[in-house]
């Protein structure tokens, strides 16, 4: 694979991780993970007011993390499950494991606990 293509791929992955790495956007994704919600319902569930909610939904749409559907005057949002599965595969590949397992050469002492794909965002203090 040409270096310029790899660089573009790494930049796209970094942009995606930036979109996921914001607490307000994670809160929105959590709210719309099980079923589509209208913007007003998201606002009620999260306490995030306008225009902040619209701004964060725009970032999530651009990163293709949510699906949107207009029904009359309302727009409904839901997590894009297929996209999240792709992200989980990318994170697994970065970890060098198959199915979320740590690679055999991974150090066992001082390493962060192993977990699912969402564990990458955990902050240890």
PDB file of N, CA and C in Angstrom:
ATOM      1  N   UNK A   1       0.846  -1.175   0.000  1.00  0.00           N
ATOM      2  CA  UNK A   1       0.000   0.000   0.000  1.00  0.00           C
ATOM      3  C   UNK A   1       0.895   1.243   0.000  1.00  0.00           C
ATOM      4  N   UNK A   2       0.633   2.225  -0.875  1.00  0.00           N
ATOM      5  CA  UNK A   2       1.470   3.429  -0.919  1.00  0.00           C
ATOM      6  C   UNK A   2       1.415   4.206   0.390  1.00  0.00           C
ATOM      7  N   UNK A   3       2.539   4.834   0.723  1.00  0.00           N
ATOM      8  CA  UNK A   3       2.653   5.586   1.979  1.00  0.00           C
ATOM      9  C   UNK A   3       1.588   6.679   2.083  1.00  0.00           C
ATOM     10  N   UNK A   4       1.291   7.388   0.983  1.00  0.00           N
ATOM     11  CA  UNK A   4       0.301   8.465   1.043  1.00  0.00           C
ATOM     12  C   UNK A   4      -1.086   7.923   1.386  1.00  0.00           C
ATOM     13  N   UNK A   5      -1.396   6.711   0.896  1.00  0.00           N
ATOM     14  CA  UNK A   5      -2.684   6.104   1.235  1.00  0.00           C
ATOM     15  C   UNK A   5      -2.727   5.733   2.720  1.00  0.00           C
ATOM     16  N   UNK A   6      -1.629   5.198   3.237  1.00  0.00           N
ATOM     17  CA  UNK A   6      -1.556   4.857   4.661  1.00  0.00           C
ATOM     18  C   UNK A   6      -1.696   6.101   5.528  1.00  0.00           C
ATOM     19  N   UNK A   7      -1.022   7.181   5.124  1.00  0.00           N
ATOM     20  CA  UNK A   7      -1.101   8.430   5.879  1.00  0.00           C
ATOM     21  C   UNK A   7      -2.538   8.930   5.919  1.00  0.00           C
ATOM     22  N   UNK A   8      -3.232   8.891   4.788  1.00  0.00           N
ATOM     23  CA  UNK A   8      -4.627   9.331   4.743  1.00  0.00           C
ATOM     24  C   UNK A   8      -5.503   8.444   5.620  1.00  0.00           C
ATOM     25  N   UNK A   9      -5.221   7.148   5.620  1.00  0.00           N
ATOM     26  CA  UNK A   9      -5.983   6.212   6.447  1.00  0.00           C
ATOM     27  C   UNK A   9      -5.763   6.489   7.931  1.00  0.00           C
ATOM     28  N   UNK A  10      -4.508   6.749   8.318  1.00  0.00           N
ATOM     29  CA  UNK A  10      -4.208   7.069   9.713  1.00  0.00           C
ATOM     30  C   UNK A  10      -4.872   8.377  10.123  1.00  0.00           C
ATOM     31  N   UNK A  11      -4.875   9.355   9.244  1.00  0.00           N
ATOM     32  CA  UNK A  11      -5.513  10.637   9.543  1.00  0.00           C
ATOM     33  C   UNK A  11      -7.017  10.461   9.723  1.00  0.00           C
ATOM     34  N   UNK A  12      -7.634   9.632   8.881  1.00  0.00           N
ATOM     35  CA  UNK A  12      -9.070   9.383   8.999  1.00  0.00           C
ATOM     36  C   UNK A  12      -9.389   8.676  10.318  1.00  0.00           C
ATOM     37  N   UNK A  13      -8.562   7.716  10.705  1.00  0.00           N
ATOM     38  CA  UNK A  13      -8.767   7.010  11.973  1.00  0.00           C
ATOM     39  C   UNK A  13      -8.591   7.958  13.149  1.00  0.00           C
ATOM     40  N   UNK A  14      -7.591   8.816  13.083  1.00  0.00           N
ATOM     41  CA  UNK A  14      -7.372   9.787  14.163  1.00  0.00           C
ATOM     42  C   UNK A  14      -8.559  10.740  14.280  1.00  0.00           C
ATOM     43  N   UNK A  15      -9.112  11.172  13.159  1.00  0.00           N
ATOM     44  CA  UNK A  15     -10.272  12.065  13.169  1.00  0.00           C
ATOM     45  C   UNK A  15     -11.473  11.355  13.801  1.00  0.00           C
ATOM     46  N   UNK A  16     -11.654  10.097  13.470  1.00  0.00           N
ATOM     47  CA  UNK A  16     -12.734   9.307  14.044  1.00  0.00           C
ATOM     48  C   UNK A  16     -12.577   9.181  15.555  1.00  0.00           C
ATOM     49  N   UNK A  17     -11.366   8.892  16.002  1.00  0.00           N
ATOM     50  CA  UNK A  17     -11.116   8.763  17.442  1.00  0.00           C
ATOM     51  C   UNK A  17     -11.313  10.095  18.163  1.00  0.00           C
ATOM     52  N   UNK A  18     -10.997  11.206  17.494  1.00  0.00           N
ATOM     53  CA  UNK A  18     -11.272  12.526  18.096  1.00  0.00           C
ATOM     54  C   UNK A  18     -12.773  12.724  18.267  1.00  0.00           C
ATOM     55  N   UNK A  19     -13.548  12.290  17.271  1.00  0.00           N
ATOM     56  CA  UNK A  19     -15.006  12.413  17.363  1.00  0.00           C
ATOM     57  C   UNK A  19     -15.543  11.592  18.528  1.00  0.00           C
ATOM     58  N   UNK A  20     -14.968  10.424  18.742  1.00  0.00           N
ATOM     59  CA  UNK A  20     -15.404   9.562  19.844  1.00  0.00           C
ATOM     60  C   UNK A  20     -14.880  10.036  21.191  1.00  0.00           C
ATOM     61  N   UNK A  21     -13.805  10.792  21.192  1.00  0.00           N
ATOM     62  CA  UNK A  21     -13.110  11.153  22.420  1.00  0.00           C
ATOM     63  C   UNK A  21     -13.637  12.380  23.132  1.00  0.00           C
ATOM     64  N   UNK A  22     -14.868  12.743  22.926  1.00  0.00           N
ATOM     65  CA  UNK A  22     -15.446  13.927  23.571  1.00  0.00           C
ATOM     66  C   UNK A  22     -16.589  13.464  24.484  1.00  0.00           C
ATOM     67  N   UNK A  23     -16.587  13.865  25.753  1.00  0.00           N
ATOM     68  CA  UNK A  23     -17.592  13.363  26.687  1.00  0.00           C
ATOM     69  C   UNK A  23     -19.039  13.671  26.291  1.00  0.00           C
ATOM     70  N   UNK A  24     -19.276  14.830  25.702  1.00  0.00           N
ATOM     71  CA  UNK A  24     -20.648  15.171  25.299  1.00  0.00           C
ATOM     72  C   UNK A  24     -21.104  14.277  24.153  1.00  0.00           C
ATOM     73  N   UNK A  25     -20.216  14.031  23.199  1.00  0.00           N
ATOM     74  CA  UNK A  25     -20.583  13.153  22.083  1.00  0.00           C
ATOM     75  C   UNK A  25     -20.794  11.722  22.568  1.00  0.00           C
ATOM     76  N   UNK A  26     -19.990  11.268  23.509  1.00  0.00           N
ATOM     77  CA  UNK A  26     -20.203   9.937  24.080  1.00  0.00           C
ATOM     78  C   UNK A  26     -21.556   9.859  24.792  1.00  0.00           C
ATOM     79  N   UNK A  27     -21.930  10.925  25.454  1.00  0.00           N
ATOM     80  CA  UNK A  27     -23.227  10.976  26.132  1.00  0.00           C
ATOM     81  C   UNK A  27     -24.365  10.879  25.109  1.00  0.00           C
ATOM     82  N   UNK A  28     -24.228  11.567  23.999  1.00  0.00           N
ATOM     83  CA  UNK A  28     -25.245  11.512  22.941  1.00  0.00           C
ATOM     84  C   UNK A  28     -25.323  10.098  22.362  1.00  0.00           C
ATOM     85  N   UNK A  29     -24.164   9.497  22.070  1.00  0.00           N
ATOM     86  CA  UNK A  29     -24.145   8.139  21.530  1.00  0.00           C
ATOM     87  C   UNK A  29     -24.804   7.161  22.503  1.00  0.00           C
ATOM     88  N   UNK A  30     -24.553   7.345  23.770  1.00  0.00           N
ATOM     89  CA  UNK A  30     -25.169   6.489  24.788  1.00  0.00           C
ATOM     90  C   UNK A  30     -26.696   6.628  24.740  1.00  0.00           C
ATOM     91  N   UNK A  31     -27.179   7.849  24.557  1.00  0.00           N
ATOM     92  CA  UNK A  31     -28.626   8.096  24.545  1.00  0.00           C
ATOM     93  C   UNK A  31     -29.309   7.455  23.334  1.00  0.00           C
ATOM     94  N   UNK A  32     -28.624   7.408  22.194  1.00  0.00           N
ATOM     95  CA  UNK A  32     -29.256   6.911  20.961  1.00  0.00           C
ATOM     96  C   UNK A  32     -28.777   5.518  20.577  1.00  0.00           C
ATOM     97  N   UNK A  33     -28.231   4.783  21.530  1.00  0.00           N
ATOM     98  CA  UNK A  33     -27.660   3.473  21.210  1.00  0.00           C
ATOM     99  C   UNK A  33     -28.713   2.402  20.975  1.00  0.00           C
ATOM    100  N   UNK A  34     -29.871   2.502  21.614  1.00  0.00           N
ATOM    101  CA  UNK A  34     -30.864   1.431  21.534  1.00  0.00           C
ATOM    102  C   UNK A  34     -31.979   1.686  20.536  1.00  0.00           C
ATOM    103  N   UNK A  35     -32.333   2.939  20.350  1.00  0.00           N
ATOM    104  CA  UNK A  35     -33.426   3.256  19.426  1.00  0.00           C
ATOM    105  C   UNK A  35     -33.270   4.690  18.933  1.00  0.00           C
ATOM    106  N   UNK A  36     -33.883   4.971  17.786  1.00  0.00           N
ATOM    107  CA  UNK A  36     -33.806   6.344  17.268  1.00  0.00           C
ATOM    108  C   UNK A  36     -34.529   7.323  18.193  1.00  0.00           C
ATOM    109  N   UNK A  37     -33.912   8.479  18.390  1.00  0.00           N
ATOM    110  CA  UNK A  37     -34.527   9.543  19.179  1.00  0.00           C
ATOM    111  C   UNK A  37     -34.554  10.818  18.368  1.00  0.00           C
ATOM    112  N   UNK A  38     -35.626  11.576  18.530  1.00  0.00           N
ATOM    113  CA  UNK A  38     -35.708  12.902  17.923  1.00  0.00           C
ATOM    114  C   UNK A  38     -34.788  13.836  18.694  1.00  0.00           C
ATOM    115  N   UNK A  39     -34.422  14.935  18.071  1.00  0.00           N
ATOM    116  CA  UNK A  39     -33.506  15.888  18.689  1.00  0.00           C
ATOM    117  C   UNK A  39     -34.024  16.337  20.056  1.00  0.00           C
ATOM    118  N   UNK A  40     -35.312  16.620  20.155  1.00  0.00           N
ATOM    119  CA  UNK A  40     -35.895  17.036  21.436  1.00  0.00           C
ATOM    120  C   UNK A  40     -35.772  15.964  22.502  1.00  0.00           C
ATOM    121  N   UNK A  41     -35.912  14.702  22.093  1.00  0.00           N
ATOM    122  CA  UNK A  41     -35.770  13.595  23.032  1.00  0.00           C
ATOM    123  C   UNK A  41     -34.320  13.448  23.502  1.00  0.00           C
ATOM    124  N   UNK A  42     -33.387  13.676  22.587  1.00  0.00           N
ATOM    125  CA  UNK A  42     -31.963  13.626  22.957  1.00  0.00           C
ATOM    126  C   UNK A  42     -31.657  14.738  23.942  1.00  0.00           C
ATOM    127  N   UNK A  43     -32.188  15.914  23.668  1.00  0.00           N
ATOM    128  CA  UNK A  43     -31.980  17.057  24.557  1.00  0.00           C
ATOM    129  C   UNK A  43     -32.525  16.745  25.958  1.00  0.00           C
ATOM    130  N   UNK A  44     -33.707  16.143  26.011  1.00  0.00           N
ATOM    131  CA  UNK A  44     -34.321  15.800  27.293  1.00  0.00           C
ATOM    132  C   UNK A  44     -33.528  14.712  28.024  1.00  0.00           C
ATOM    133  N   UNK A  45     -33.065  13.709  27.276  1.00  0.00           N
ATOM    134  CA  UNK A  45     -32.341  12.584  27.881  1.00  0.00           C
ATOM    135  C   UNK A  45     -30.959  12.980  28.386  1.00  0.00           C
ATOM    136  N   UNK A  46     -30.322  13.941  27.711  1.00  0.00           N
ATOM    137  CA  UNK A  46     -28.944  14.297  28.045  1.00  0.00           C
ATOM    138  C   UNK A  46     -28.804  15.598  28.811  1.00  0.00           C
ATOM    139  N   UNK A  47     -29.778  16.472  28.680  1.00  0.00           N
ATOM    140  CA  UNK A  47     -29.668  17.796  29.290  1.00  0.00           C
ATOM    141  C   UNK A  47     -28.790  18.740  28.486  1.00  0.00           C
ATOM    142  N   UNK A  48     -28.396  18.341  27.296  1.00  0.00           N
ATOM    143  CA  UNK A  48     -27.569  19.181  26.424  1.00  0.00           C
ATOM    144  C   UNK A  48     -28.506  20.088  25.628  1.00  0.00           C
ATOM    145  N   UNK A  49     -28.336  21.385  25.783  1.00  0.00           N
ATOM    146  CA  UNK A  49     -29.214  22.329  25.099  1.00  0.00           C
ATOM    147  C   UNK A  49     -28.720  22.721  23.720  1.00  0.00           C
ATOM    148  N   UNK A  50     -29.595  23.412  23.014  1.00  0.00           N
ATOM    149  CA  UNK A  50     -29.215  23.969  21.721  1.00  0.00           C
ATOM    150  C   UNK A  50     -28.367  25.207  21.982  1.00  0.00           C
ATOM    151  N   UNK A  51     -27.411  25.605  21.166  1.00  0.00           N
ATOM    152  CA  UNK A  51     -27.018  24.985  19.900  1.00  0.00           C
ATOM    153  C   UNK A  51     -25.959  23.895  20.057  1.00  0.00           C
ATOM    154  N   UNK A  52     -25.515  23.655  21.300  1.00  0.00           N
ATOM    155  CA  UNK A  52     -24.465  22.665  21.530  1.00  0.00           C
ATOM    156  C   UNK A  52     -24.820  21.286  21.015  1.00  0.00           C
ATOM    157  N   UNK A  53     -26.077  20.887  21.207  1.00  0.00           N
ATOM    158  CA  UNK A  53     -26.511  19.574  20.757  1.00  0.00           C
ATOM    159  C   UNK A  53     -26.412  19.464  19.237  1.00  0.00           C
ATOM    160  N   UNK A  54     -26.872  20.482  18.542  1.00  0.00           N
ATOM    161  CA  UNK A  54     -26.802  20.466  17.073  1.00  0.00           C
ATOM    162  C   UNK A  54     -25.359  20.397  16.597  1.00  0.00           C
ATOM    163  N   UNK A  55     -24.487  21.135  17.250  1.00  0.00           N
ATOM    164  CA  UNK A  55     -23.069  21.132  16.878  1.00  0.00           C
ATOM    165  C   UNK A  55     -22.467  19.742  17.069  1.00  0.00           C
ATOM    166  N   UNK A  56     -22.753  19.104  18.191  1.00  0.00           N
ATOM    167  CA  UNK A  56     -22.188  17.784  18.457  1.00  0.00           C
ATOM    168  C   UNK A  56     -22.799  16.716  17.552  1.00  0.00           C
ATOM    169  N   UNK A  57     -24.084  16.818  17.252  1.00  0.00           N
ATOM    170  CA  UNK A  57     -24.714  15.888  16.313  1.00  0.00           C
ATOM    171  C   UNK A  57     -24.103  16.027  14.922  1.00  0.00           C
ATOM    172  N   UNK A  58     -23.734  17.238  14.564  1.00  0.00           N
ATOM    173  CA  UNK A  58     -23.085  17.465  13.270  1.00  0.00           C
ATOM    174  C   UNK A  58     -21.745  16.734  13.194  1.00  0.00           C
ATOM    175  N   UNK A  59     -20.978  16.792  14.266  1.00  0.00           N
ATOM    176  CA  UNK A  59     -19.697  16.085  14.311  1.00  0.00           C
ATOM    177  C   UNK A  59     -19.925  14.575  14.203  1.00  0.00           C
ATOM    178  N   UNK A  60     -20.923  14.081  14.911  1.00  0.00           N
ATOM    179  CA  UNK A  60     -21.227  12.642  14.876  1.00  0.00           C
ATOM    180  C   UNK A  60     -21.698  12.205  13.485  1.00  0.00           C
ATOM    181  N   UNK A  61     -22.468  13.050  12.825  1.00  0.00           N
ATOM    182  CA  UNK A  61     -22.904  12.735  11.447  1.00  0.00           C
ATOM    183  C   UNK A  61     -21.720  12.709  10.507  1.00  0.00           C
ATOM    184  N   UNK A  62     -20.856  13.717  10.613  1.00  0.00           N
ATOM    185  CA  UNK A  62     -19.679  13.803   9.740  1.00  0.00           C
ATOM    186  C   UNK A  62     -18.775  12.582   9.920  1.00  0.00           C
ATOM    187  N   UNK A  63     -18.650  12.092  11.136  1.00  0.00           N
ATOM    188  CA  UNK A  63     -17.824  10.917  11.421  1.00  0.00           C
ATOM    189  C   UNK A  63     -18.562   9.618  11.107  1.00  0.00           C
ATOM    190  N   UNK A  64     -19.804   9.740  10.663  1.00  0.00           N
ATOM    191  CA  UNK A  64     -20.650   8.592  10.311  1.00  0.00           C
ATOM    192  C   UNK A  64     -20.863   7.650  11.494  1.00  0.00           C
ATOM    193  N   UNK A  65     -20.994   8.230  12.675  1.00  0.00           N
ATOM    194  CA  UNK A  65     -21.229   7.444  13.886  1.00  0.00           C
ATOM    195  C   UNK A  65     -22.713   7.299  14.198  1.00  0.00           C
ATOM    196  N   UNK A  66     -23.532   8.157  13.603  1.00  0.00           N
ATOM    197  CA  UNK A  66     -24.978   8.079  13.792  1.00  0.00           C
ATOM    198  C   UNK A  66     -25.672   8.059  12.440  1.00  0.00           C
ATOM    199  N   UNK A  67     -26.826   7.428  12.433  1.00  0.00           N
ATOM    200  CA  UNK A  67     -27.710   7.454  11.274  1.00  0.00           C
ATOM    201  C   UNK A  67     -28.796   8.474  11.576  1.00  0.00           C
ATOM    202  N   UNK A  68     -29.204   9.235  10.577  1.00  0.00           N
ATOM    203  CA  UNK A  68     -30.273  10.204  10.788  1.00  0.00           C
ATOM    204  C   UNK A  68     -31.377   9.960   9.768  1.00  0.00           C
ATOM    205  N   UNK A  69     -32.603  10.236  10.213  1.00  0.00           N
ATOM    206  CA  UNK A  69     -33.752  10.067   9.342  1.00  0.00           C
ATOM    207  C   UNK A  69     -34.751  11.164   9.661  1.00  0.00           C
ATOM    208  N   UNK A  70     -35.177  11.845   8.620  1.00  0.00           N
ATOM    209  CA  UNK A  70     -36.161  12.914   8.790  1.00  0.00           C
ATOM    210  C   UNK A  70     -37.551  12.303   8.682  1.00  0.00           C
ATOM    211  N   UNK A  71     -38.416  12.706   9.615  1.00  0.00           N
ATOM    212  CA  UNK A  71     -39.814  12.304   9.593  1.00  0.00           C
ATOM    213  C   UNK A  71     -40.627  13.564   9.841  1.00  0.00           C
ATOM    214  N   UNK A  72     -41.105  14.158   8.763  1.00  0.00           N
ATOM    215  CA  UNK A  72     -41.795  15.437   8.869  1.00  0.00           C
ATOM    216  C   UNK A  72     -40.801  16.521   9.254  1.00  0.00           C
ATOM    217  N   UNK A  73     -41.093  17.210  10.342  1.00  0.00           N
ATOM    218  CA  UNK A  73     -40.201  18.271  10.816  1.00  0.00           C
ATOM    219  C   UNK A  73     -39.138  17.761  11.772  1.00  0.00           C
ATOM    220  N   UNK A  74     -39.256  16.512  12.190  1.00  0.00           N
ATOM    221  CA  UNK A  74     -38.312  15.977  13.162  1.00  0.00           C
ATOM    222  C   UNK A  74     -37.229  15.141  12.480  1.00  0.00           C
ATOM    223  N   UNK A  75     -36.033  15.196  13.081  1.00  0.00           N
ATOM    224  CA  UNK A  75     -34.927  14.347  12.647  1.00  0.00           C
ATOM    225  C   UNK A  75     -34.627  13.396  13.791  1.00  0.00           C
ATOM    226  N   UNK A  76     -34.541  12.104  13.460  1.00  0.00           N
ATOM    227  CA  UNK A  76     -34.250  11.075  14.436  1.00  0.00           C
ATOM    228  C   UNK A  76     -32.829  10.577  14.229  1.00  0.00           C
ATOM    229  N   UNK A  77     -32.148  10.305  15.334  1.00  0.00           N
ATOM    230  CA  UNK A  77     -30.760   9.834  15.301  1.00  0.00           C
ATOM    231  C   UNK A  77     -30.641   8.512  16.035  1.00  0.00           C
ATOM    232  N   UNK A  78     -29.759   7.657  15.514  1.00  0.00           N
ATOM    233  CA  UNK A  78     -29.454   6.390  16.165  1.00  0.00           C
ATOM    234  C   UNK A  78     -28.011   6.027  15.858  1.00  0.00           C
ATOM    235  N   UNK A  79     -27.363   5.341  16.793  1.00  0.00           N
ATOM    236  CA  UNK A  79     -25.997   4.866  16.586  1.00  0.00           C
ATOM    237  C   UNK A  79     -25.972   3.982  15.342  1.00  0.00           C
ATOM    238  N   UNK A  80     -24.932   4.142  14.537  1.00  0.00           N
ATOM    239  CA  UNK A  80     -24.722   3.275  13.371  1.00  0.00           C
ATOM    240  C   UNK A  80     -23.962   2.041  13.849  1.00  0.00           C
ATOM    241  N   UNK A  81     -24.693   0.960  14.091  1.00  0.00           N
ATOM    242  CA  UNK A  81     -24.103  -0.259  14.635  1.00  0.00           C
ATOM    243  C   UNK A  81     -23.035  -0.858  13.744  1.00  0.00           C
ATOM    244  N   UNK A  82     -23.241  -0.811  12.425  1.00  0.00           N
ATOM    245  CA  UNK A  82     -22.240  -1.361  11.502  1.00  0.00           C
ATOM    246  C   UNK A  82     -20.945  -0.561  11.582  1.00  0.00           C
ATOM    247  N   UNK A  83     -21.061   0.749  11.698  1.00  0.00           N
ATOM    248  CA  UNK A  83     -19.872   1.603  11.808  1.00  0.00           C
ATOM    249  C   UNK A  83     -19.133   1.322  13.117  1.00  0.00           C
ATOM    250  N   UNK A  84     -19.890   1.122  14.194  1.00  0.00           N
ATOM    251  CA  UNK A  84     -19.262   0.822  15.483  1.00  0.00           C
ATOM    252  C   UNK A  84     -18.527  -0.517  15.417  1.00  0.00           C
ATOM    253  N   UNK A  85     -19.075  -1.486  14.672  1.00  0.00           N
ATOM    254  CA  UNK A  85     -18.402  -2.773  14.518  1.00  0.00           C
ATOM    255  C   UNK A  85     -17.086  -2.595  13.767  1.00  0.00           C
ATOM    256  N   UNK A  86     -17.065  -1.726  12.753  1.00  0.00           N
ATOM    257  CA  UNK A  86     -15.824  -1.428  12.025  1.00  0.00           C
ATOM    258  C   UNK A  86     -14.785  -0.819  12.957  1.00  0.00           C
ATOM    259  N   UNK A  87     -15.235   0.090  13.806  1.00  0.00           N
ATOM    260  CA  UNK A  87     -14.328   0.752  14.749  1.00  0.00           C
ATOM    261  C   UNK A  87     -13.755  -0.270  15.724  1.00  0.00           C
ATOM    262  N   UNK A  88     -14.606  -1.176  16.194  1.00  0.00           N
ATOM    263  CA  UNK A  88     -14.142  -2.223  17.108  1.00  0.00           C
ATOM    264  C   UNK A  88     -13.078  -3.081  16.436  1.00  0.00           C
ATOM    265  N   UNK A  89     -13.253  -3.393  15.156  1.00  0.00           N
ATOM    266  CA  UNK A  89     -12.260  -4.175  14.423  1.00  0.00           C
ATOM    267  C   UNK A  89     -10.946  -3.406  14.297  1.00  0.00           C
ATOM    268  N   UNK A  90     -11.034  -2.113  14.041  1.00  0.00           N
ATOM    269  CA  UNK A  90      -9.839  -1.283  13.925  1.00  0.00           C
ATOM    270  C   UNK A  90      -9.076  -1.265  15.241  1.00  0.00           C
ATOM    271  N   UNK A  91      -9.797  -1.092  16.346  1.00  0.00           N
ATOM    272  CA  UNK A  91      -9.151  -1.053  17.657  1.00  0.00           C
ATOM    273  C   UNK A  91      -8.541  -2.405  18.003  1.00  0.00           C
ATOM    274  N   UNK A  92      -9.226  -3.477  17.639  1.00  0.00           N
ATOM    275  CA  UNK A  92      -8.685  -4.815  17.876  1.00  0.00           C
ATOM    276  C   UNK A  92      -7.399  -5.004  17.088  1.00  0.00           C
ATOM    277  N   UNK A  93      -7.390  -4.562  15.830  1.00  0.00           N
ATOM    278  CA  UNK A  93      -6.192  -4.679  14.994  1.00  0.00           C
ATOM    279  C   UNK A  93      -5.043  -3.859  15.580  1.00  0.00           C
ATOM    280  N   UNK A  94      -5.343  -2.665  16.099  1.00  0.00           N
ATOM    281  CA  UNK A  94      -4.300  -1.847  16.708  1.00  0.00           C
ATOM    282  C   UNK A  94      -3.727  -2.517  17.946  1.00  0.00           C
ATOM    283  N   UNK A  95      -4.561  -3.292  18.640  1.00  0.00           N
ATOM    284  CA  UNK A  95      -4.110  -4.007  19.824  1.00  0.00           C
ATOM    285  C   UNK A  95      -3.340  -5.270  19.483  1.00  0.00           C
ATOM    286  N   UNK A  96      -3.349  -5.630  18.210  1.00  0.00           N
ATOM    287  CA  UNK A  96      -2.608  -6.803  17.775  1.00  0.00           C
ATOM    288  C   UNK A  96      -3.281  -8.114  18.092  1.00  0.00           C
ATOM    289  N   UNK A  97      -4.499  -8.050  18.592  1.00  0.00           N
ATOM    290  CA  UNK A  97      -5.176  -9.280  18.984  1.00  0.00           C
ATOM    291  C   UNK A  97      -6.281  -9.667  18.022  1.00  0.00           C
ATOM    292  N   UNK A  98      -6.771 -10.840  18.211  1.00  0.00           N
ATOM    293  CA  UNK A  98      -7.913 -11.342  17.457  1.00  0.00           C
ATOM    294  C   UNK A  98      -9.066 -11.472  18.426  1.00  0.00           C
ATOM    295  N   UNK A  99     -10.192 -10.880  18.085  1.00  0.00           N
ATOM    296  CA  UNK A  99     -11.351 -10.979  18.966  1.00  0.00           C
ATOM    297  C   UNK A  99     -11.177 -10.261  20.286  1.00  0.00           C
ATOM    298  N   UNK A 100     -10.311  -9.260  20.324  1.00  0.00           N
ATOM    299  CA  UNK A 100     -10.108  -8.476  21.537  1.00  0.00           C
ATOM    300  C   UNK A 100      -9.060  -9.040  22.474  1.00  0.00           C
ATOM    301  N   UNK A 101      -8.451 -10.176  22.126  1.00  0.00           N
ATOM    302  CA  UNK A 101      -7.427 -10.773  22.986  1.00  0.00           C
ATOM    303  C   UNK A 101      -6.116 -10.021  22.839  1.00  0.00           C
ATOM    304  N   UNK A 102      -5.365  -9.965  23.910  1.00  0.00           N
ATOM    305  CA  UNK A 102      -4.062  -9.308  23.874  1.00  0.00           C
ATOM    306  C   UNK A 102      -3.087 -10.171  23.089  1.00  0.00           C
ATOM    307  N   UNK A 103      -2.137  -9.549  22.390  1.00  0.00           N
ATOM    308  CA  UNK A 103      -1.150 -10.333  21.664  1.00  0.00           C
ATOM    309  C   UNK A 103      -0.277 -11.111  22.647  1.00  0.00           C
ATOM    310  N   UNK A 104       0.267 -12.256  22.226  1.00  0.00           N
ATOM    311  CA  UNK A 104       1.069 -13.082  23.135  1.00  0.00           C
ATOM    312  C   UNK A 104       2.260 -12.357  23.724  1.00  0.00           C
ATOM    313  N   UNK A 105       2.818 -11.381  23.017  1.00  0.00           N
ATOM    314  CA  UNK A 105       4.007 -10.702  23.507  1.00  0.00           C
ATOM    315  C   UNK A 105       3.687  -9.495  24.390  1.00  0.00           C
ATOM    316  N   UNK A 106       2.394  -9.270  24.673  1.00  0.00           N
ATOM    317  CA  UNK A 106       2.012  -8.104  25.473  1.00  0.00           C
ATOM    318  C   UNK A 106       2.544  -8.262  26.896  1.00  0.00           C
ATOM    319  N   UNK A 107       3.110  -7.194  27.468  1.00  0.00           N
ATOM    320  CA  UNK A 107       3.605  -7.282  28.835  1.00  0.00           C
ATOM    321  C   UNK A 107       2.454  -7.467  29.799  1.00  0.00           C
ATOM    322  N   UNK A 108       2.661  -8.270  30.830  1.00  0.00           N
ATOM    323  CA  UNK A 108       1.588  -8.524  31.775  1.00  0.00           C
ATOM    324  C   UNK A 108       1.662  -7.603  32.982  1.00  0.00           C
ATOM    325  N   UNK A 109       2.820  -7.052  33.304  1.00  0.00           N
ATOM    326  CA  UNK A 109       2.946  -6.188  34.467  1.00  0.00           C
ATOM    327  C   UNK A 109       2.869  -4.738  34.051  1.00  0.00           C
ATOM    328  N   UNK A 110       2.065  -3.974  34.787  1.00  0.00           N
ATOM    329  CA  UNK A 110       1.952  -2.543  34.537  1.00  0.00           C
ATOM    330  C   UNK A 110       1.077  -2.199  33.351  1.00  0.00           C
ATOM    331  N   UNK A 111       0.500  -3.174  32.704  1.00  0.00           N
ATOM    332  CA  UNK A 111      -0.355  -2.914  31.555  1.00  0.00           C
ATOM    333  C   UNK A 111      -1.753  -2.569  32.041  1.00  0.00           C
ATOM    334  N   UNK A 112      -2.467  -1.795  31.224  1.00  0.00           N
ATOM    335  CA  UNK A 112      -3.849  -1.467  31.538  1.00  0.00           C
ATOM    336  C   UNK A 112      -4.692  -2.731  31.430  1.00  0.00           C
ATOM    337  N   UNK A 113      -5.753  -2.843  32.212  1.00  0.00           N
ATOM    338  CA  UNK A 113      -6.613  -4.021  32.140  1.00  0.00           C
ATOM    339  C   UNK A 113      -7.176  -4.186  30.738  1.00  0.00           C
ATOM    340  N   UNK A 114      -7.310  -5.431  30.296  1.00  0.00           N
ATOM    341  CA  UNK A 114      -7.874  -5.711  28.988  1.00  0.00           C
ATOM    342  C   UNK A 114      -9.381  -5.638  29.093  1.00  0.00           C
ATOM    343  N   UNK A 115     -10.025  -5.250  27.987  1.00  0.00           N
ATOM    344  CA  UNK A 115     -11.480  -5.186  27.995  1.00  0.00           C
ATOM    345  C   UNK A 115     -12.002  -5.091  26.589  1.00  0.00           C
ATOM    346  N   UNK A 116     -13.252  -4.721  26.470  1.00  0.00           N
ATOM    347  CA  UNK A 116     -13.901  -4.595  25.172  1.00  0.00           C
ATOM    348  C   UNK A 116     -13.415  -3.365  24.435  1.00  0.00           C
ATOM    349  N   UNK A 117     -13.996  -3.148  23.265  1.00  0.00           N
ATOM    350  CA  UNK A 117     -13.569  -2.054  22.403  1.00  0.00           C
ATOM    351  C   UNK A 117     -13.756  -0.693  23.058  1.00  0.00           C
ATOM    352  N   UNK A 118     -14.777  -0.547  23.902  1.00  0.00           N
ATOM    353  CA  UNK A 118     -15.026   0.755  24.515  1.00  0.00           C
ATOM    354  C   UNK A 118     -14.048   1.061  25.637  1.00  0.00           C
ATOM    355  N   UNK A 119     -13.298   0.103  26.114  1.00  0.00           N
ATOM    356  CA  UNK A 119     -12.372   0.288  27.228  1.00  0.00           C
ATOM    357  C   UNK A 119     -11.249   1.258  26.873  1.00  0.00           C
ATOM    358  N   UNK A 120     -10.997   1.475  25.576  1.00  0.00           N
ATOM    359  CA  UNK A 120      -9.879   2.336  25.182  1.00  0.00           C
ATOM    360  C   UNK A 120     -10.022   3.744  25.725  1.00  0.00           C
ATOM    361  N   UNK A 121     -11.258   4.174  26.035  1.00  0.00           N
ATOM    362  CA  UNK A 121     -11.480   5.541  26.467  1.00  0.00           C
ATOM    363  C   UNK A 121     -11.340   5.721  27.967  1.00  0.00           C
ATOM    364  N   UNK A 122     -11.093   4.638  28.699  1.00  0.00           N
ATOM    365  CA  UNK A 122     -10.983   4.728  30.144  1.00  0.00           C
ATOM    366  C   UNK A 122      -9.699   5.444  30.545  1.00  0.00           C
ATOM    367  N   UNK A 123      -9.820   6.329  31.490  1.00  0.00           N
ATOM    368  CA  UNK A 123      -8.671   7.096  31.960  1.00  0.00           C
ATOM    369  C   UNK A 123      -8.269   6.563  33.328  1.00  0.00           C
ATOM    370  N   UNK A 124      -7.009   6.221  33.477  1.00  0.00           N
ATOM    371  CA  UNK A 124      -6.495   5.742  34.757  1.00  0.00           C
ATOM    372  C   UNK A 124      -5.764   6.888  35.443  1.00  0.00           C
ATOM    373  N   UNK A 125      -6.025   7.083  36.724  1.00  0.00           N
ATOM    374  CA  UNK A 125      -5.368   8.170  37.472  1.00  0.00           C
ATOM    375  C   UNK A 125      -4.592   7.586  38.609  1.00  0.00           C
TER     376      UNK A 125
END
